[in-house]
C-alpha atoms as a PDB file:
ATOM      1  CA  LYS A   1     -13.736 -20.130 -31.513  1.00  0.00           C
ATOM      2  CA  LYS A   2     -11.291 -17.403 -30.675  1.00  0.00           C
ATOM      3  CA  GLN A   3     -10.084 -19.426 -27.714  1.00  0.00           C
ATOM      4  CA  LYS A   4      -9.349 -22.365 -30.054  1.00  0.00           C
ATOM      5  CA  LYS A   5      -7.066 -20.164 -32.138  1.00  0.00           C
ATOM      6  CA  MET A   6      -4.838 -19.802 -29.128  1.00  0.00           C
ATOM      7  CA  THR A   7      -4.816 -23.417 -28.014  1.00  0.00           C
ATOM      8  CA  THR A   8      -4.572 -25.181 -31.363  1.00  0.00           C
ATOM      9  CA  GLY A   9      -1.972 -25.069 -34.056  1.00  0.00           C
ATOM     10  CA  THR A  10       0.950 -27.065 -35.331  1.00  0.00           C
ATOM     11  CA  GLY A  11       4.335 -27.524 -33.770  1.00  0.00           C
ATOM     12  CA  GLY A  12       5.595 -26.872 -30.277  1.00  0.00           C
ATOM     13  CA  ASN A  13       4.953 -23.141 -30.318  1.00  0.00           C
ATOM     14  CA  GLY A  14       1.207 -23.623 -29.890  1.00  0.00           C
ATOM     15  CA  LEU A  15       1.759 -25.752 -26.815  1.00  0.00           C
ATOM     16  CA  VAL A  16       4.203 -23.226 -25.367  1.00  0.00           C
ATOM     17  CA  VAL A  17       1.772 -20.355 -25.928  1.00  0.00           C
ATOM     18  CA  ARG A  18      -0.939 -22.345 -24.206  1.00  0.00           C
ATOM     19  CA  ALA A  19       1.356 -23.148 -21.267  1.00  0.00           C
ATOM     20  CA  LEU A  20       2.402 -19.502 -21.045  1.00  0.00           C
ATOM     21  CA  TYR A  21      -1.229 -18.417 -20.948  1.00  0.00           C
ATOM     22  CA  ARG A  22      -2.012 -20.807 -18.107  1.00  0.00           C
ATOM     23  CA  ALA A  23       1.121 -19.812 -16.209  1.00  0.00           C
ATOM     24  CA  SER A  24       0.103 -16.159 -16.487  1.00  0.00           C
ATOM     25  CA  LEU A  25      -3.363 -16.868 -15.106  1.00  0.00           C
ATOM     26  CA  ARG A  26      -1.920 -18.862 -12.195  1.00  0.00           C
ATOM     27  CA  ALA A  27       0.560 -16.103 -11.391  1.00  0.00           C
ATOM     28  CA  ILE A  28      -2.182 -13.469 -11.296  1.00  0.00           C
ATOM     29  CA  LYS A  29      -4.474 -15.583  -9.132  1.00  0.00           C
ATOM     30  CA  SER A  30      -1.596 -16.125  -6.701  1.00  0.00           C
ATOM     31  CA  LEU A  31      -1.853 -12.448  -5.753  1.00  0.00           C
ATOM     32  CA  GLY A  32      -4.961 -13.206  -3.709  1.00  0.00           C
ATOM     33  CA  ASP A  33      -6.738  -9.965  -2.912  1.00  0.00           C
ATOM     34  CA  ARG A  34      -3.667  -7.794  -3.505  1.00  0.00           C
ATOM     35  CA  SER A  35      -3.373  -5.376  -6.403  1.00  0.00           C
ATOM     36  CA  LEU A  36      -0.187  -4.952  -8.425  1.00  0.00           C
ATOM     37  CA  PRO A  37       1.658  -1.680  -7.671  1.00  0.00           C
ATOM     38  CA  MET A  38       3.099   0.211 -10.623  1.00  0.00           C
ATOM     39  CA  GLN A  39       6.173   1.654  -8.905  1.00  0.00           C
ATOM     40  CA  TRP A  40       9.784   1.993  -9.968  1.00  0.00           C
ATOM     41  CA  PRO A  41      12.332   0.019  -7.936  1.00  0.00           C
ATOM     42  CA  ILE A  42      13.959   2.103  -5.198  1.00  0.00           C
ATOM     43  CA  ARG A  43      17.472   3.307  -6.011  1.00  0.00           C
ATOM     44  CA  ALA A  44      20.179   4.179  -3.497  1.00  0.00           C
ATOM     45  CA  HIS A  45      20.448   7.787  -4.696  1.00  0.00           C
ATOM     46  CA  ASP A  46      16.705   8.314  -4.108  1.00  0.00           C
ATOM     47  CA  TRP A  47      17.339   8.375  -0.331  1.00  0.00           C
ATOM     48  CA  GLY A  48      16.173  11.708   1.119  1.00  0.00           C
ATOM     49  CA  LYS A  49      14.364  12.801  -2.043  1.00  0.00           C
ATOM     50  CA  HIS A  50      10.694  13.697  -2.334  1.00  0.00           C
ATOM     51  CA  ARG A  51       8.291  14.626  -5.112  1.00  0.00           C
ATOM     52  CA  ARG A  52       4.672  15.113  -6.052  1.00  0.00           C
ATOM     53  CA  LEU A  53       3.056  12.792  -8.563  1.00  0.00           C
ATOM     54  CA  ASP A  54       0.238  13.200 -11.047  1.00  0.00           C
ATOM     55  CA  THR A  55      -1.627  10.835 -13.340  1.00  0.00           C
ATOM     56  CA  LYS A  56       0.957  11.367 -16.098  1.00  0.00           C
ATOM     57  CA  GLU A  57       3.712  10.065 -13.817  1.00  0.00           C
ATOM     58  CA  LEU A  58       1.629   7.027 -12.891  1.00  0.00           C
ATOM     59  CA  GLU A  59       0.954   6.300 -16.562  1.00  0.00           C
ATOM     60  CA  LYS A  60       4.633   6.690 -17.434  1.00  0.00           C
ATOM     61  CA  ALA A  61       5.616   4.149 -14.792  1.00  0.00           C
ATOM     62  CA  ARG A  62       2.939   1.717 -15.950  1.00  0.00           C
ATOM     63  CA  GLU A  63       3.915   2.006 -19.624  1.00  0.00           C
ATOM     64  CA  SER A  64       7.539   1.271 -18.827  1.00  0.00           C
ATOM     65  CA  MET A  65       7.031  -1.582 -16.359  1.00  0.00           C
ATOM     66  CA  PHE A  66       3.996  -3.391 -17.743  1.00  0.00           C
ATOM     67  CA  PRO A  67       3.241  -2.216 -21.298  1.00  0.00           C
ATOM     68  CA  TRP A  68       0.551  -4.884 -21.736  1.00  0.00           C
ATOM     69  CA  SER A  69      -1.615  -2.843 -19.393  1.00  0.00           C
ATOM     70  CA  ILE A  70      -1.703   0.296 -21.549  1.00  0.00           C
ATOM     71  CA  GLY A  71      -5.328   1.216 -22.169  1.00  0.00           C
ATOM     72  CA  TYR A  72      -6.598  -0.646 -19.107  1.00  0.00           C
ATOM     73  CA  PRO A  73      -7.634   1.244 -15.952  1.00  0.00           C
ATOM     74  CA  LEU A  74      -5.480   1.643 -12.871  1.00  0.00           C
ATOM     75  CA  ASN A  75      -7.225   1.943  -9.533  1.00  0.00           C
ATOM     76  CA  GLU A  76      -7.277   5.204  -7.602  1.00  0.00           C
ATOM     77  CA  ILE A  77      -3.759   4.694  -6.181  1.00  0.00           C
ATOM     78  CA  GLY A  78      -2.097   3.600  -9.423  1.00  0.00           C
ATOM     79  CA  GLU A  79      -2.341  -0.175  -9.062  1.00  0.00           C
ATOM     80  CA  LEU A  80      -3.634  -2.901 -11.373  1.00  0.00           C
ATOM     81  CA  GLU A  81      -6.360  -4.959  -9.729  1.00  0.00           C
ATOM     82  CA  GLN A  82      -6.583  -8.710 -10.212  1.00  0.00           C
ATOM     83  CA  GLU A  83      -9.703  -8.639 -12.382  1.00  0.00           C
ATOM     84  CA  THR A  84      -8.038  -6.151 -14.711  1.00  0.00           C
ATOM     85  CA  LEU A  85      -4.910  -8.308 -14.942  1.00  0.00           C
ATOM     86  CA  LEU A  86      -6.966 -11.388 -15.785  1.00  0.00           C
ATOM     87  CA  LYS A  87      -8.803  -9.454 -18.471  1.00  0.00           C
ATOM     88  CA  ILE A  88      -5.517  -8.228 -19.967  1.00  0.00           C
ATOM     89  CA  VAL A  89      -4.073 -11.744 -20.245  1.00  0.00           C
ATOM     90  CA  ARG A  90      -7.253 -13.286 -21.638  1.00  0.00           C
ATOM     91  CA  GLU A  91      -7.637 -10.594 -24.273  1.00  0.00           C
ATOM     92  CA  ARG A  92      -3.962 -10.623 -25.273  1.00  0.00           C
ATOM     93  CA  PHE A  93      -3.925 -14.370 -25.827  1.00  0.00           C
ATOM     94  CA  ARG A  94      -7.482 -14.744 -27.120  1.00  0.00           C
ATOM     95  CA  ASP A  95      -6.832 -13.790 -30.739  1.00  0.00           C
ATOM     96  CA  THR A  96      -3.456 -15.472 -31.077  1.00  0.00           C
ATOM     97  CA  THR A  97      -3.141 -17.462 -34.303  1.00  0.00           C
ATOM     98  CA  ARG A  98      -0.357 -19.619 -35.689  1.00  0.00           C
ATOM     99  CA  ASP A  99       1.054 -16.597 -37.522  1.00  0.00           C
ATOM    100  CA  ASP A 100       1.289 -14.717 -34.221  1.00  0.00           C
ATOM    101  CA  TYR A 101       2.962 -17.408 -32.120  1.00  0.00           C
ATOM    102  CA  GLU A 102       6.479 -15.961 -32.170  1.00  0.00           C
ATOM    103  CA  LEU A 103       5.243 -12.491 -31.218  1.00  0.00           C
ATOM    104  CA  ALA A 104       2.922 -13.936 -28.582  1.00  0.00           C
ATOM    105  CA  LEU A 105       5.800 -15.913 -27.044  1.00  0.00           C
ATOM    106  CA  ASP A 106       8.148 -12.930 -27.033  1.00  0.00           C
ATOM    107  CA  GLU A 107       5.593 -10.548 -25.510  1.00  0.00           C
ATOM    108  CA  GLY A 108       4.215 -13.174 -23.167  1.00  0.00           C
ATOM    109  CA  PHE A 109       7.559 -14.125 -21.632  1.00  0.00           C
ATOM    110  CA  ARG A 110       8.473 -10.450 -21.161  1.00  0.00           C
ATOM    111  CA  ALA A 111       5.112  -9.703 -19.575  1.00  0.00           C
ATOM    112  CA  LEU A 112       5.369 -12.692 -17.235  1.00  0.00           C
ATOM    113  CA  GLN A 113       8.891 -11.685 -16.208  1.00  0.00           C
ATOM    114  CA  ASN A 114       7.783  -8.103 -15.539  1.00  0.00           C
ATOM    115  CA  PHE A 115       4.762  -9.365 -13.625  1.00  0.00           C
ATOM    116  CA  HIS A 116       6.898 -11.527 -11.335  1.00  0.00           C
ATOM    117  CA  SER A 117       9.265  -8.618 -10.670  1.00  0.00           C
ATOM    118  CA  LEU A 118       6.367  -6.365  -9.721  1.00  0.00           C
ATOM    119  CA  ALA A 119       4.643  -9.071  -7.697  1.00  0.00           C
ATOM    120  CA  ALA A 120       7.850  -9.697  -5.743  1.00  0.00           C
ATOM    121  CA  GLN A 121       7.607  -6.147  -4.430  1.00  0.00           C
ATOM    122  CA  LEU A 122       4.414  -7.113  -2.622  1.00  0.00           C
ATOM    123  CA  GLN A 123       6.507  -9.203  -0.212  1.00  0.00           C
ATOM    124  CA  VAL A 124       8.152  -6.039   1.106  1.00  0.00           C
ATOM    125  CA  SER A 125       5.271  -3.590   0.818  1.00  0.00           C
ATOM    126  CA  SER A 126       2.015  -2.605   2.464  1.00  0.00           C
ATOM    127  CA  VAL A 127      -0.953  -0.341   1.874  1.00  0.00           C
ATOM    128  CA  CYS A 128      -3.441   1.170   4.315  1.00  0.00           C
ATOM    129  CA  GLU A 129      -6.418   3.502   3.927  1.00  0.00           C
ATOM    130  CA  THR A 130      -7.572   5.909   6.642  1.00  0.00           C
ATOM    131  CA  LYS A 131     -10.397   8.354   5.906  1.00  0.00           C
ATOM    132  CA  GLY A 132      -9.590   8.427   2.208  1.00  0.00           C
ATOM    133  CA  ILE A 133      -5.830   8.801   2.721  1.00  0.00           C
ATOM    134  CA  TYR A 134      -3.869   5.877   1.295  1.00  0.00           C
ATOM    135  CA  VAL A 135      -0.341   5.200   2.517  1.00  0.00           C
ATOM    136  CA  GLN A 136       1.696   2.803   0.383  1.00  0.00           C
ATOM    137  CA  ALA A 137       5.065   1.598   1.675  1.00  0.00           C
ATOM    138  CA  MET A 138       7.805  -0.409  -0.021  1.00  0.00           C
ATOM    139  CA  SER A 139      11.353  -1.317   1.041  1.00  0.00           C
ATOM    140  CA  ARG A 140      14.596  -2.402  -0.602  1.00  0.00           C
ATOM    141  CA  PHE A 141      17.828  -3.791   0.766  1.00  0.00           C
ATOM    142  CA  LEU A 142      20.747  -1.622  -0.371  1.00  0.00           C
ATOM    143  CA  GLY A 143      23.787  -3.267   1.154  1.00  0.00           C
ATOM    144  CA  ILE A 144      25.924  -3.605   4.264  1.00  0.00           C
ATOM    145  CA  ASN A 145      27.590  -0.720   6.043  1.00  0.00           C
ATOM    146  CA  SER A 146      31.251  -1.691   5.863  1.00  0.00           C
ATOM    147  CA  ALA A 147      32.039   0.276   9.025  1.00  0.00           C
ATOM    148  CA  THR A 148      29.356  -1.222  11.270  1.00  0.00           C
ATOM    149  CA  ASN A 149      28.215  -4.368   9.402  1.00  0.00           C
ATOM    150  CA  ALA A 150      24.652  -3.084   9.735  1.00  0.00           C
ATOM    151  CA  TYR A 151      22.092  -3.881   7.052  1.00  0.00           C
ATOM    152  CA  ILE A 152      20.987  -0.802   5.132  1.00  0.00           C
ATOM    153  CA  PHE A 153      17.431  -0.515   3.862  1.00  0.00           C
ATOM    154  CA  ALA A 154      15.674   2.214   1.933  1.00  0.00           C
ATOM    155  CA  TYR A 155      11.925   2.591   1.816  1.00  0.00           C
ATOM    156  CA  ARG A 156       9.520   4.596  -0.273  1.00  0.00           C
ATOM    157  CA  ILE A 157       6.354   6.048   1.220  1.00  0.00           C
ATOM    158  CA  ARG A 158       3.553   7.285  -1.041  1.00  0.00           C
ATOM    159  CA  VAL A 159       0.667   9.270   0.443  1.00  0.00           C
ATOM    160  CA  SER A 160      -2.441   9.753  -1.720  1.00  0.00           C
ATOM    161  CA  ASN A 161      -5.466  11.891  -0.889  1.00  0.00           C
ATOM    162  CA  VAL A 162      -8.079  10.094  -2.948  1.00  0.00           C
ATOM    163  CA  GLY A 163     -11.051  10.121  -0.606  1.00  0.00           C
ATOM    164  CA  GLY A 164     -12.439  13.487  -1.612  1.00  0.00           C
ATOM    165  CA  ILE A 165     -12.057  14.860   1.904  1.00  0.00           C
ATOM    166  CA  ASP A 166     -10.635  18.274   2.651  1.00  0.00           C
ATOM    167  CA  THR A 167      -7.068  19.319   2.037  1.00  0.00           C
ATOM    168  CA  VAL A 168      -4.759  17.848   4.661  1.00  0.00           C
ATOM    169  CA  GLN A 169      -1.240  18.594   5.839  1.00  0.00           C
ATOM    170  CA  LEU A 170       1.174  15.919   7.019  1.00  0.00           C
ATOM    171  CA  ARG A 171       2.421  17.424  10.281  1.00  0.00           C
ATOM    172  CA  SER A 172       4.289  14.611  12.026  1.00  0.00           C
ATOM    173  CA  ARG A 173       5.271  10.959  11.942  1.00  0.00           C
ATOM    174  CA  HIS A 174       5.554   7.976  14.253  1.00  0.00           C
ATOM    175  CA  TRP A 175       7.641   4.879  13.488  1.00  0.00           C
ATOM    176  CA  ILE A 176       8.314   1.550  15.166  1.00  0.00           C
ATOM    177  CA  ILE A 177      11.322  -0.173  13.579  1.00  0.00           C
ATOM    178  CA  GLN A 178      12.109  -3.697  14.757  1.00  0.00           C
ATOM    179  CA  ASP A 179      14.596  -6.377  13.738  1.00  0.00           C
ATOM    180  CA  THR A 180      14.550 -10.121  14.269  1.00  0.00           C
ATOM    181  CA  ASN A 181      17.390  -9.924  16.797  1.00  0.00           C
ATOM    182  CA  GLY A 182      15.092  -8.073  19.178  1.00  0.00           C
ATOM    183  CA  GLY A 183      16.348  -4.587  18.371  1.00  0.00           C
ATOM    184  CA  SER A 184      13.808  -1.789  18.286  1.00  0.00           C
ATOM    185  CA  VAL A 185      13.843   1.908  17.426  1.00  0.00           C
ATOM    186  CA  VAL A 186      10.848   4.149  18.069  1.00  0.00           C
ATOM    187  CA  ILE A 187      10.420   7.504  16.363  1.00  0.00           C
ATOM    188  CA  PRO A 188       7.988   9.135  18.839  1.00  0.00           C
ATOM    189  CA  ARG A 189       4.628  10.555  17.902  1.00  0.00           C
ATOM    190  CA  GLY A 190       4.849  14.213  17.010  1.00  0.00           C
ATOM    191  CA  SER A 191       8.245  13.928  15.300  1.00  0.00           C
ATOM    192  CA  PRO A 192       7.990  16.718  12.747  1.00  0.00           C
ATOM    193  CA  GLY A 193       7.460  16.060   9.055  1.00  0.00           C
ATOM    194  CA  VAL A 194       9.169  13.661   6.670  1.00  0.00           C
ATOM    195  CA  VAL A 195      12.545  14.294   4.968  1.00  0.00           C
ATOM    196  CA  GLY A 196      12.258  17.902   6.156  1.00  0.00           C
ATOM    197  CA  GLN A 197       8.830  18.387   4.571  1.00  0.00           C
ATOM    198  CA  THR A 198       5.306  18.914   5.906  1.00  0.00           C
ATOM    199  CA  PRO A 199       3.438  18.468   2.618  1.00  0.00           C
ATOM    200  CA  THR A 200      -0.100  19.660   1.966  1.00  0.00           C
ATOM    201  CA  LEU A 201      -2.322  17.374  -0.087  1.00  0.00           C
ATOM    202  CA  ALA A 202      -5.518  18.550  -1.738  1.00  0.00           C
ATOM    203  CA  PRO A 203      -7.995  15.898  -2.931  1.00  0.00           C
ATOM    204  CA  GLY A 204      -6.423  13.969  -5.798  1.00  0.00           C
ATOM    205  CA  GLU A 205      -2.822  14.863  -4.920  1.00  0.00           C
ATOM    206  CA  ILE A 206       0.011  12.404  -4.277  1.00  0.00           C
ATOM    207  CA  PHE A 207       3.262  12.911  -2.377  1.00  0.00           C
ATOM    208  CA  GLU A 208       6.080  10.389  -2.045  1.00  0.00           C
ATOM    209  CA  TYR A 209       9.512  10.294  -0.468  1.00  0.00           C
ATOM    210  CA  VAL A 210      12.372   7.878   0.136  1.00  0.00           C
ATOM    211  CA  SER A 211      14.166   7.435   3.415  1.00  0.00           C
ATOM    212  CA  GLY A 212      15.773   4.495   5.170  1.00  0.00           C
ATOM    213  CA  SER A 213      17.102   2.787   8.231  1.00  0.00           C
ATOM    214  CA  GLU A 214      19.829   0.428   9.399  1.00  0.00           C
ATOM    215  CA  LEU A 215      19.208  -2.855  11.193  1.00  0.00           C
ATOM    216  CA  ASN A 216      21.522  -5.131  13.135  1.00  0.00           C
ATOM    217  CA  ALA A 217      19.766  -8.128  11.581  1.00  0.00           C
ATOM    218  CA  PRO A 218      18.996  -9.099   7.977  1.00  0.00           C
ATOM    219  CA  THR A 219      15.230  -8.879   8.479  1.00  0.00           C
ATOM    220  CA  GLY A 220      12.792  -6.648  10.313  1.00  0.00           C
ATOM    221  CA  THR A 221       9.609  -4.647  10.031  1.00  0.00           C
ATOM    222  CA  ILE A 222       8.479  -1.029  10.071  1.00  0.00           C
ATOM    223  CA  GLN A 223       5.051   0.306  10.968  1.00  0.00           C
ATOM    224  CA  GLY A 224       3.676   3.608  12.184  1.00  0.00           C
ATOM    225  CA  SER A 225       1.429   6.511  11.326  1.00  0.00           C
ATOM    226  CA  PHE A 226       1.291  10.090  10.075  1.00  0.00           C
ATOM    227  CA  ASN A 227      -0.612  12.823  11.865  1.00  0.00           C
ATOM    228  CA  LEU A 228      -2.651  14.709   9.287  1.00  0.00           C
ATOM    229  CA  PHE A 229      -4.220  18.080  10.022  1.00  0.00           C
ATOM    230  CA  ILE A 230      -7.362  19.063   8.154  1.00  0.00           C
ATOM    231  CA  GLU A 231      -6.703  22.531   6.773  1.00  0.00           C
ATOM    232  CA  GLY A 232      -9.038  25.385   7.586  1.00  0.00           C
ATOM    233  CA  ASP A 233      -8.968  24.806  11.345  1.00  0.00           C
ATOM    234  CA  ASP A 234      -6.420  27.521  12.073  1.00  0.00           C
ATOM    235  CA  ASP A 235      -7.760  28.443  15.520  1.00  0.00           C
ATOM    236  CA  LEU A 236      -7.175  24.968  16.890  1.00  0.00           C
ATOM    237  CA  SER A 237      -3.806  24.777  15.157  1.00  0.00           C
ATOM    238  CA  GLN A 238      -2.596  27.920  16.900  1.00  0.00           C
ATOM    239  CA  LYS A 239      -3.547  26.420  20.260  1.00  0.00           C
ATOM    240  CA  GLY A 240      -1.388  23.387  19.534  1.00  0.00           C
ATOM    241  CA  GLU A 241      -4.345  21.016  19.740  1.00  0.00           C
ATOM    242  CA  GLU A 242      -3.032  18.558  17.176  1.00  0.00           C
ATOM    243  CA  GLN A 243      -4.825  15.507  18.577  1.00  0.00           C
ATOM    244  CA  THR A 244      -8.381  16.739  18.012  1.00  0.00           C
ATOM    245  CA  THR A 245     -11.203  15.864  15.675  1.00  0.00           C
ATOM    246  CA  ASN A 246      -9.511  18.254  13.231  1.00  0.00           C
ATOM    247  CA  SER A 247      -6.557  15.913  12.857  1.00  0.00           C
ATOM    248  CA  PHE A 248      -6.246  12.179  12.579  1.00  0.00           C
ATOM    249  CA  GLU A 249      -3.673   9.407  12.390  1.00  0.00           C
ATOM    250  CA  ALA A 250      -3.217   7.834   8.961  1.00  0.00           C
ATOM    251  CA  ASN A 251      -1.913   4.375   9.722  1.00  0.00           C
ATOM    252  CA  ILE A 252       1.026   2.720   7.979  1.00  0.00           C
ATOM    253  CA  ASN A 253       0.630  -1.022   7.929  1.00  0.00           C
ATOM    254  CA  PRO A 254       3.703  -3.125   8.761  1.00  0.00           C
ATOM    255  CA  PHE A 255       6.042  -3.819   5.866  1.00  0.00           C
ATOM    256  CA  GLN A 256       9.085  -6.039   5.809  1.00  0.00           C
ATOM    257  CA  LEU A 257      12.766  -5.244   5.522  1.00  0.00           C
ATOM    258  CA  ARG A 258      14.495  -8.287   4.027  1.00  0.00           C
ATOM    259  CA  ALA A 259      18.130  -8.563   3.038  1.00  0.00           C
ATOM    260  CA  ASP A 260      17.428 -11.813   1.186  1.00  0.00           C
ATOM    261  CA  HIS A 261      14.735 -10.273  -0.986  1.00  0.00           C
ATOM    262  CA  ILE A 262      16.845  -8.390  -3.514  1.00  0.00           C
ATOM    263  CA  HIS A 263      20.591  -8.663  -3.999  1.00  0.00           C
ATOM    264  CA  ALA A 264      22.572  -5.782  -2.542  1.00  0.00           C
ATOM    265  CA  LEU A 265      23.402  -2.975  -4.903  1.00  0.00           C
ATOM    266  CA  ASN A 266      26.754  -2.237  -3.283  1.00  0.00           C
ATOM    267  CA  ARG A 267      28.527  -2.238   0.031  1.00  0.00           C
ATOM    268  CA  ILE A 268      27.621   1.219   1.241  1.00  0.00           C
ATOM    269  CA  SER A 269      29.391   3.103   3.989  1.00  0.00           C
ATOM    270  CA  ASP A 270      28.304   6.688   3.431  1.00  0.00           C
ATOM    271  CA  ILE A 271      24.547   6.522   4.057  1.00  0.00           C
ATOM    272  CA  SER A 272      23.176   7.484   7.438  1.00  0.00           C
ATOM    273  CA  GLY A 273      20.979   4.856   9.004  1.00  0.00           C
ATOM    274  CA  GLU A 274      18.722   7.363  10.721  1.00  0.00           C
ATOM    275  CA  GLU A 275      15.162   7.920   9.526  1.00  0.00           C
ATOM    276  CA  ARG A 276      15.109  11.314   7.837  1.00  0.00           C
END
C-alpha cells in the first residue's frame, strides 16, 4: 500500500516522481560492486597539504554531499555501499503522497544530481586493502601548464588503518606514473614518506594528503605502494631491515588521470609537476 502512494496520484507530478524513483534505482545499480565514496572534490590549493581524519569529519562530508544518507551507516572507510543506497531511495520514496510530490521532486532531483557527481569520481579513483590497511586514491585535472603545455593533475590519497592490526608507520612510497603517449616516471621503492611526512596510524586512524603530477598527454594512470612498518620492532628498524616480516607493502591500485573528466579549474603555471 505504501508503494502505491508513491506511484499513484493525479497530474504529471506523480509520473515524474515515479520516473525519478526508477532512475535513482538504475543509477545505483550501475555502480556494480563499487561503493560510493564520500569525499570532497580536490581543490588546487590542497596540493601538498595533509591531515588526519576522524568519524566527525567523515560525517560532515557525508551530510554536505549526500544529505539523504544521514542516519544510514557508512562502511569502515567512509563509503556508502550499494545495498544502503538502495534502502535509502526506497525508504525516501516509499511514503510519498500527493501532498509531498513537490518536496519529493525537489529533494529527489538534488539527490540524483549529487549521486551522479559522486559516482563520476569512481572513474578516476581506486581502492585497495592490504592486511587491514585501505588505500583510497582519487585524481582531478587542474589545468594546463602555460609554460610547458603539460597537463596538471592533483590526486588525493587516503590511508585508513581499519583492520585492527598493530600501529603502523608509513615509511616510504613507490609510484609508477604513465601517460598514453608512452611516457613513464618511476618513483623508486624506498623514496621517503609522502609530502614530507612519515605518518603513524594506530587502529582506527585515517591520514590523507594531496599531491600531483604533470603528464605530456591528457590521460594516464598511477599505481604503486607504500611500505608500512609495524611499530614495536625497533631492533630490526635500527638494522635497516625494512623489507622483513615486520613491514609490508600496502598496494595502491591503478587510478586514472583524465583531462576530459572534469573541466579545468584554471590555466596554472606555478604548480610543480613533481610528486611531493
